[in-house]
Structure formats: structure tokens, C-alpha cells
N, C-alpha and C. Protein backbone atom coordinates (compact mmCIF):
# COMPACT_ATOMS: atom_id res chain seq x y z
N MET A 1 31.58 -170.95 62.87
CA MET A 1 32.04 -171.78 61.77
C MET A 1 30.84 -172.52 61.17
N SER A 2 30.70 -172.45 59.86
CA SER A 2 29.55 -173.09 59.24
C SER A 2 29.83 -174.56 58.92
N GLU A 3 28.75 -175.29 58.82
CA GLU A 3 28.81 -176.72 58.60
C GLU A 3 29.12 -177.03 57.13
N LYS A 4 29.99 -178.01 56.92
CA LYS A 4 30.29 -178.43 55.54
C LYS A 4 29.04 -179.01 54.91
N GLY A 5 29.02 -178.99 53.59
CA GLY A 5 27.91 -179.57 52.86
C GLY A 5 28.43 -180.42 51.72
N TYR A 6 27.59 -181.31 51.28
CA TYR A 6 27.93 -182.21 50.17
C TYR A 6 26.80 -182.20 49.17
N VAL A 7 27.16 -182.19 47.91
CA VAL A 7 26.21 -182.45 46.84
C VAL A 7 26.62 -183.78 46.25
N TYR A 8 25.64 -184.62 45.92
CA TYR A 8 25.96 -185.98 45.53
C TYR A 8 24.97 -186.50 44.48
N PHE A 9 25.43 -187.52 43.73
CA PHE A 9 24.60 -188.19 42.74
C PHE A 9 24.41 -189.64 43.17
N MET A 10 23.17 -190.08 43.16
CA MET A 10 22.83 -191.48 43.37
C MET A 10 22.24 -192.00 42.06
N THR A 11 22.47 -193.28 41.79
CA THR A 11 21.89 -193.90 40.61
C THR A 11 21.48 -195.33 40.95
N ASN A 12 20.84 -195.97 39.99
CA ASN A 12 20.45 -197.37 40.19
C ASN A 12 21.50 -198.29 39.56
N GLN A 13 21.30 -199.57 39.66
CA GLN A 13 22.30 -200.54 39.18
C GLN A 13 22.59 -200.39 37.69
N SER A 14 21.59 -200.00 36.90
CA SER A 14 21.80 -199.87 35.46
C SER A 14 22.27 -198.47 35.05
N ASN A 15 22.43 -197.56 36.02
CA ASN A 15 22.89 -196.18 35.78
C ASN A 15 21.95 -195.39 34.87
N ARG A 16 20.68 -195.76 34.84
CA ARG A 16 19.74 -195.09 33.94
C ARG A 16 19.13 -193.82 34.52
N VAL A 17 19.08 -193.72 35.83
CA VAL A 17 18.52 -192.52 36.45
C VAL A 17 19.56 -191.89 37.36
N LEU A 18 19.46 -190.58 37.52
CA LEU A 18 20.35 -189.86 38.42
C LEU A 18 19.51 -189.04 39.40
N TYR A 19 19.87 -189.13 40.65
CA TYR A 19 19.28 -188.30 41.68
C TYR A 19 20.38 -187.39 42.20
N ILE A 20 20.10 -186.11 42.32
CA ILE A 20 21.06 -185.16 42.86
C ILE A 20 20.52 -184.68 44.19
N GLY A 21 21.34 -184.79 45.21
CA GLY A 21 20.92 -184.37 46.54
C GLY A 21 21.99 -183.56 47.23
N VAL A 22 21.62 -183.03 48.40
CA VAL A 22 22.53 -182.24 49.21
C VAL A 22 22.34 -182.65 50.67
N THR A 23 23.43 -182.66 51.43
CA THR A 23 23.38 -183.06 52.83
C THR A 23 24.58 -182.51 53.57
N SER A 24 24.49 -182.52 54.88
CA SER A 24 25.64 -182.15 55.71
C SER A 24 26.36 -183.39 56.22
N ASP A 25 25.76 -184.57 56.05
CA ASP A 25 26.36 -185.83 56.51
C ASP A 25 26.19 -186.87 55.40
N LEU A 26 27.18 -186.94 54.52
CA LEU A 26 27.07 -187.78 53.33
C LEU A 26 26.93 -189.26 53.65
N ALA A 27 27.75 -189.78 54.52
CA ALA A 27 27.71 -191.21 54.82
C ALA A 27 26.33 -191.60 55.38
N LYS A 28 25.81 -190.79 56.28
CA LYS A 28 24.50 -191.07 56.87
C LYS A 28 23.40 -191.02 55.81
N ARG A 29 23.45 -190.00 54.97
CA ARG A 29 22.39 -189.83 53.96
C ARG A 29 22.43 -190.95 52.93
N VAL A 30 23.61 -191.38 52.51
CA VAL A 30 23.71 -192.49 51.55
C VAL A 30 23.14 -193.76 52.18
N ALA A 31 23.46 -194.00 53.44
CA ALA A 31 22.92 -195.17 54.13
C ALA A 31 21.39 -195.12 54.18
N GLN A 32 20.84 -193.93 54.38
CA GLN A 32 19.38 -193.78 54.39
C GLN A 32 18.80 -194.11 53.02
N HIS A 33 19.45 -193.67 51.95
CA HIS A 33 19.00 -194.01 50.59
C HIS A 33 19.04 -195.52 50.39
N LYS A 34 20.10 -196.15 50.81
CA LYS A 34 20.26 -197.59 50.60
C LYS A 34 19.21 -198.40 51.36
N ARG A 35 18.77 -197.88 52.51
CA ARG A 35 17.75 -198.56 53.31
C ARG A 35 16.34 -198.14 52.92
N HIS A 36 16.22 -197.25 51.95
CA HIS A 36 14.92 -196.73 51.50
C HIS A 36 14.11 -196.20 52.67
N GLU A 37 14.76 -195.40 53.52
CA GLU A 37 14.10 -194.86 54.71
C GLU A 37 13.03 -193.84 54.38
N TYR A 38 13.12 -193.22 53.22
CA TYR A 38 12.15 -192.20 52.83
C TYR A 38 11.52 -192.57 51.50
N GLU A 39 10.21 -192.42 51.41
CA GLU A 39 9.54 -192.63 50.13
C GLU A 39 9.93 -191.49 49.21
N GLY A 40 9.97 -191.76 47.96
CA GLY A 40 10.32 -190.71 47.00
C GLY A 40 11.09 -191.28 45.83
N PHE A 41 11.76 -190.39 45.14
CA PHE A 41 12.44 -190.73 43.89
C PHE A 41 13.46 -191.86 44.07
N THR A 42 14.35 -191.73 45.04
CA THR A 42 15.42 -192.73 45.17
C THR A 42 14.87 -194.09 45.55
N ALA A 43 13.83 -194.13 46.35
CA ALA A 43 13.21 -195.42 46.71
C ALA A 43 12.46 -195.99 45.52
N SER A 44 11.72 -195.15 44.81
CA SER A 44 10.93 -195.62 43.65
C SER A 44 11.82 -196.18 42.54
N TYR A 45 12.96 -195.55 42.33
CA TYR A 45 13.85 -195.95 41.25
C TYR A 45 15.05 -196.75 41.74
N ASN A 46 15.03 -197.15 43.00
CA ASN A 46 16.08 -197.97 43.61
C ASN A 46 17.48 -197.36 43.40
N CYS A 47 17.57 -196.08 43.64
CA CYS A 47 18.86 -195.38 43.54
C CYS A 47 19.63 -195.64 44.82
N ASN A 48 20.52 -196.61 44.77
CA ASN A 48 21.25 -197.00 45.97
C ASN A 48 22.76 -197.03 45.75
N LYS A 49 23.21 -196.34 44.71
CA LYS A 49 24.63 -196.34 44.36
C LYS A 49 25.12 -194.90 44.29
N LEU A 50 26.07 -194.55 45.16
CA LEU A 50 26.69 -193.23 45.16
C LEU A 50 27.77 -193.21 44.08
N VAL A 51 27.61 -192.35 43.07
CA VAL A 51 28.58 -192.33 41.97
C VAL A 51 29.35 -191.02 41.87
N TYR A 52 28.93 -190.01 42.62
CA TYR A 52 29.62 -188.72 42.56
C TYR A 52 29.29 -187.91 43.80
N PHE A 53 30.27 -187.15 44.27
CA PHE A 53 29.99 -186.19 45.34
C PHE A 53 31.02 -185.07 45.31
N GLU A 54 30.63 -183.93 45.83
CA GLU A 54 31.51 -182.78 46.00
C GLU A 54 31.35 -182.30 47.43
N GLU A 55 32.46 -181.94 48.06
CA GLU A 55 32.42 -181.33 49.39
C GLU A 55 32.48 -179.82 49.23
N CYS A 56 31.60 -179.13 49.92
CA CYS A 56 31.57 -177.66 49.88
C CYS A 56 31.89 -177.12 51.27
N ASN A 57 32.38 -175.89 51.31
CA ASN A 57 32.77 -175.28 52.58
C ASN A 57 31.60 -175.08 53.53
N ASP A 58 30.41 -174.88 52.99
CA ASP A 58 29.24 -174.75 53.85
C ASP A 58 28.01 -175.27 53.13
N ILE A 59 26.95 -175.47 53.89
CA ILE A 59 25.74 -176.06 53.34
C ILE A 59 25.09 -175.15 52.30
N LYS A 60 25.19 -173.84 52.48
CA LYS A 60 24.61 -172.91 51.50
C LYS A 60 25.28 -173.06 50.14
N ALA A 61 26.59 -173.23 50.14
CA ALA A 61 27.32 -173.43 48.88
C ALA A 61 26.91 -174.76 48.24
N ALA A 62 26.69 -175.78 49.05
CA ALA A 62 26.26 -177.08 48.53
C ALA A 62 24.88 -176.98 47.91
N ILE A 63 23.98 -176.24 48.55
CA ILE A 63 22.63 -176.06 48.01
C ILE A 63 22.68 -175.31 46.69
N ALA A 64 23.51 -174.28 46.61
CA ALA A 64 23.66 -173.53 45.36
C ALA A 64 24.20 -174.42 44.25
N ARG A 65 25.17 -175.25 44.58
CA ARG A 65 25.76 -176.17 43.58
C ARG A 65 24.73 -177.21 43.15
N GLU A 66 23.95 -177.72 44.09
CA GLU A 66 22.90 -178.68 43.74
C GLU A 66 21.93 -178.07 42.74
N LYS A 67 21.50 -176.85 42.99
CA LYS A 67 20.57 -176.17 42.07
C LYS A 67 21.19 -176.00 40.70
N GLN A 68 22.48 -175.66 40.66
CA GLN A 68 23.18 -175.49 39.38
C GLN A 68 23.21 -176.83 38.63
N LEU A 69 23.61 -177.90 39.32
CA LEU A 69 23.72 -179.21 38.67
C LEU A 69 22.38 -179.74 38.19
N LYS A 70 21.32 -179.46 38.92
CA LYS A 70 19.99 -179.92 38.51
C LYS A 70 19.55 -179.29 37.20
N ASN A 71 20.12 -178.14 36.86
CA ASN A 71 19.78 -177.48 35.60
C ASN A 71 20.64 -177.94 34.42
N TRP A 72 21.63 -178.75 34.70
CA TRP A 72 22.50 -179.25 33.64
C TRP A 72 21.79 -180.30 32.79
N LYS A 73 22.26 -180.43 31.55
CA LYS A 73 21.80 -181.51 30.68
C LYS A 73 22.35 -182.83 31.20
N ARG A 74 21.65 -183.92 30.89
CA ARG A 74 22.07 -185.23 31.37
C ARG A 74 23.49 -185.58 30.88
N LYS A 75 23.83 -185.21 29.66
CA LYS A 75 25.16 -185.51 29.14
C LYS A 75 26.24 -184.85 30.00
N TRP A 76 26.01 -183.61 30.41
CA TRP A 76 26.99 -182.90 31.23
C TRP A 76 27.15 -183.60 32.58
N LYS A 77 26.05 -184.06 33.15
CA LYS A 77 26.10 -184.79 34.42
C LYS A 77 26.87 -186.09 34.25
N ASN A 78 26.58 -186.80 33.17
CA ASN A 78 27.31 -188.05 32.89
C ASN A 78 28.80 -187.78 32.72
N ASP A 79 29.15 -186.71 32.02
CA ASP A 79 30.55 -186.36 31.82
C ASP A 79 31.23 -186.07 33.17
N LEU A 80 30.52 -185.40 34.05
CA LEU A 80 31.06 -185.09 35.38
C LEU A 80 31.34 -186.38 36.15
N VAL A 81 30.39 -187.31 36.13
CA VAL A 81 30.58 -188.60 36.80
C VAL A 81 31.75 -189.34 36.15
N ASN A 82 31.81 -189.36 34.83
CA ASN A 82 32.87 -190.08 34.14
C ASN A 82 34.26 -189.55 34.48
N GLU A 83 34.38 -188.24 34.67
CA GLU A 83 35.67 -187.66 35.06
C GLU A 83 36.08 -188.10 36.46
N PHE A 84 35.12 -188.22 37.33
CA PHE A 84 35.34 -188.49 38.75
C PHE A 84 35.37 -189.99 39.05
N ASN A 85 34.57 -190.75 38.30
CA ASN A 85 34.34 -192.17 38.61
C ASN A 85 33.99 -192.88 37.31
N LYS A 86 34.99 -193.10 36.46
CA LYS A 86 34.75 -193.59 35.10
C LYS A 86 34.00 -194.91 35.01
N ASP A 87 34.12 -195.74 36.03
CA ASP A 87 33.43 -197.03 36.01
C ASP A 87 32.08 -197.00 36.71
N TRP A 88 31.68 -195.84 37.20
CA TRP A 88 30.41 -195.66 37.90
C TRP A 88 30.28 -196.65 39.05
N LYS A 89 31.37 -196.84 39.77
CA LYS A 89 31.33 -197.72 40.95
C LYS A 89 30.62 -197.03 42.10
N ASP A 90 30.13 -197.81 43.01
CA ASP A 90 29.50 -197.27 44.21
C ASP A 90 30.60 -196.76 45.14
N LEU A 91 30.71 -195.47 45.26
CA LEU A 91 31.77 -194.86 46.07
C LEU A 91 31.57 -195.10 47.56
N SER A 92 30.38 -195.46 47.95
CA SER A 92 30.14 -195.75 49.37
C SER A 92 30.65 -197.14 49.76
N GLU A 93 31.02 -197.93 48.76
CA GLU A 93 31.55 -199.25 49.02
C GLU A 93 33.02 -199.22 49.40
N GLY A 94 33.71 -198.11 49.12
CA GLY A 94 35.09 -197.94 49.53
C GLY A 94 36.11 -198.61 48.62
N ASP A 95 35.69 -199.18 47.50
CA ASP A 95 36.64 -199.88 46.63
C ASP A 95 37.21 -198.99 45.53
N SER A 96 36.83 -197.74 45.51
CA SER A 96 37.23 -196.87 44.39
C SER A 96 38.38 -195.93 44.73
N GLY A 97 38.74 -195.85 46.00
CA GLY A 97 39.78 -194.92 46.39
C GLY A 97 39.23 -193.56 46.76
N SER A 98 37.99 -193.26 46.37
CA SER A 98 37.32 -192.01 46.75
C SER A 98 36.18 -192.38 47.67
N SER A 99 36.31 -192.05 48.92
CA SER A 99 35.29 -192.40 49.89
C SER A 99 34.62 -191.17 50.43
N PRO A 100 33.33 -191.24 50.68
CA PRO A 100 32.61 -190.07 51.20
C PRO A 100 32.90 -189.79 52.67
N GLU A 101 33.72 -190.60 53.32
CA GLU A 101 33.98 -190.38 54.75
C GLU A 101 35.30 -189.73 54.99
């Protein structure tokens, strides 16, 4: 049985930047972003708000979806977030009804 995968979007407080990532443990990975455990894009741009995620049947499917989404125009990505989370709330906070756990 293969491991589930997640593709997710992180943004900063002003929603000006989007980071697209993939992981097999969404809650753990979001916590790592929030603690700035790794240097890189999310730490540099303070992307600490989970605004979108998709669960995939396996990690390979999640990686394929991540690659697809990274090629999308910013407007399409914004539209996807707006359909899923119109107020761009932090889904890791648990106040939106859609939780990554």
C-alpha cells in the first residue's frame, strides 16, 4: 500500500506570495514552515499560513499535481484557493472547517 501525499499552498499574512509544496505528513510539514525550520522561500517570505491543500492517493500523484500547479498562472492558483477557502484563512488553525488532519 502506498503512502498518501498532499500538495499544499502556503502564503504570508498579506497573501502576496504563494509557495506550493508536497509532503506525506501535512500537519508536520506545516508546523515546520511555521517554525522556519528550513532556510528557503517560505522562511524568507514568512509563508506561515496554509490556505489550500489536496490529498492524493499516493506521493507520486501528489508530486505530479504539484508540478502541474507550479506551471499554472497566478490567477488560476488564486481562483483555486478562492473556491476552497474564500477568506484565505489559515487552515492549520482549525477555524475554517477544513483541517489538514
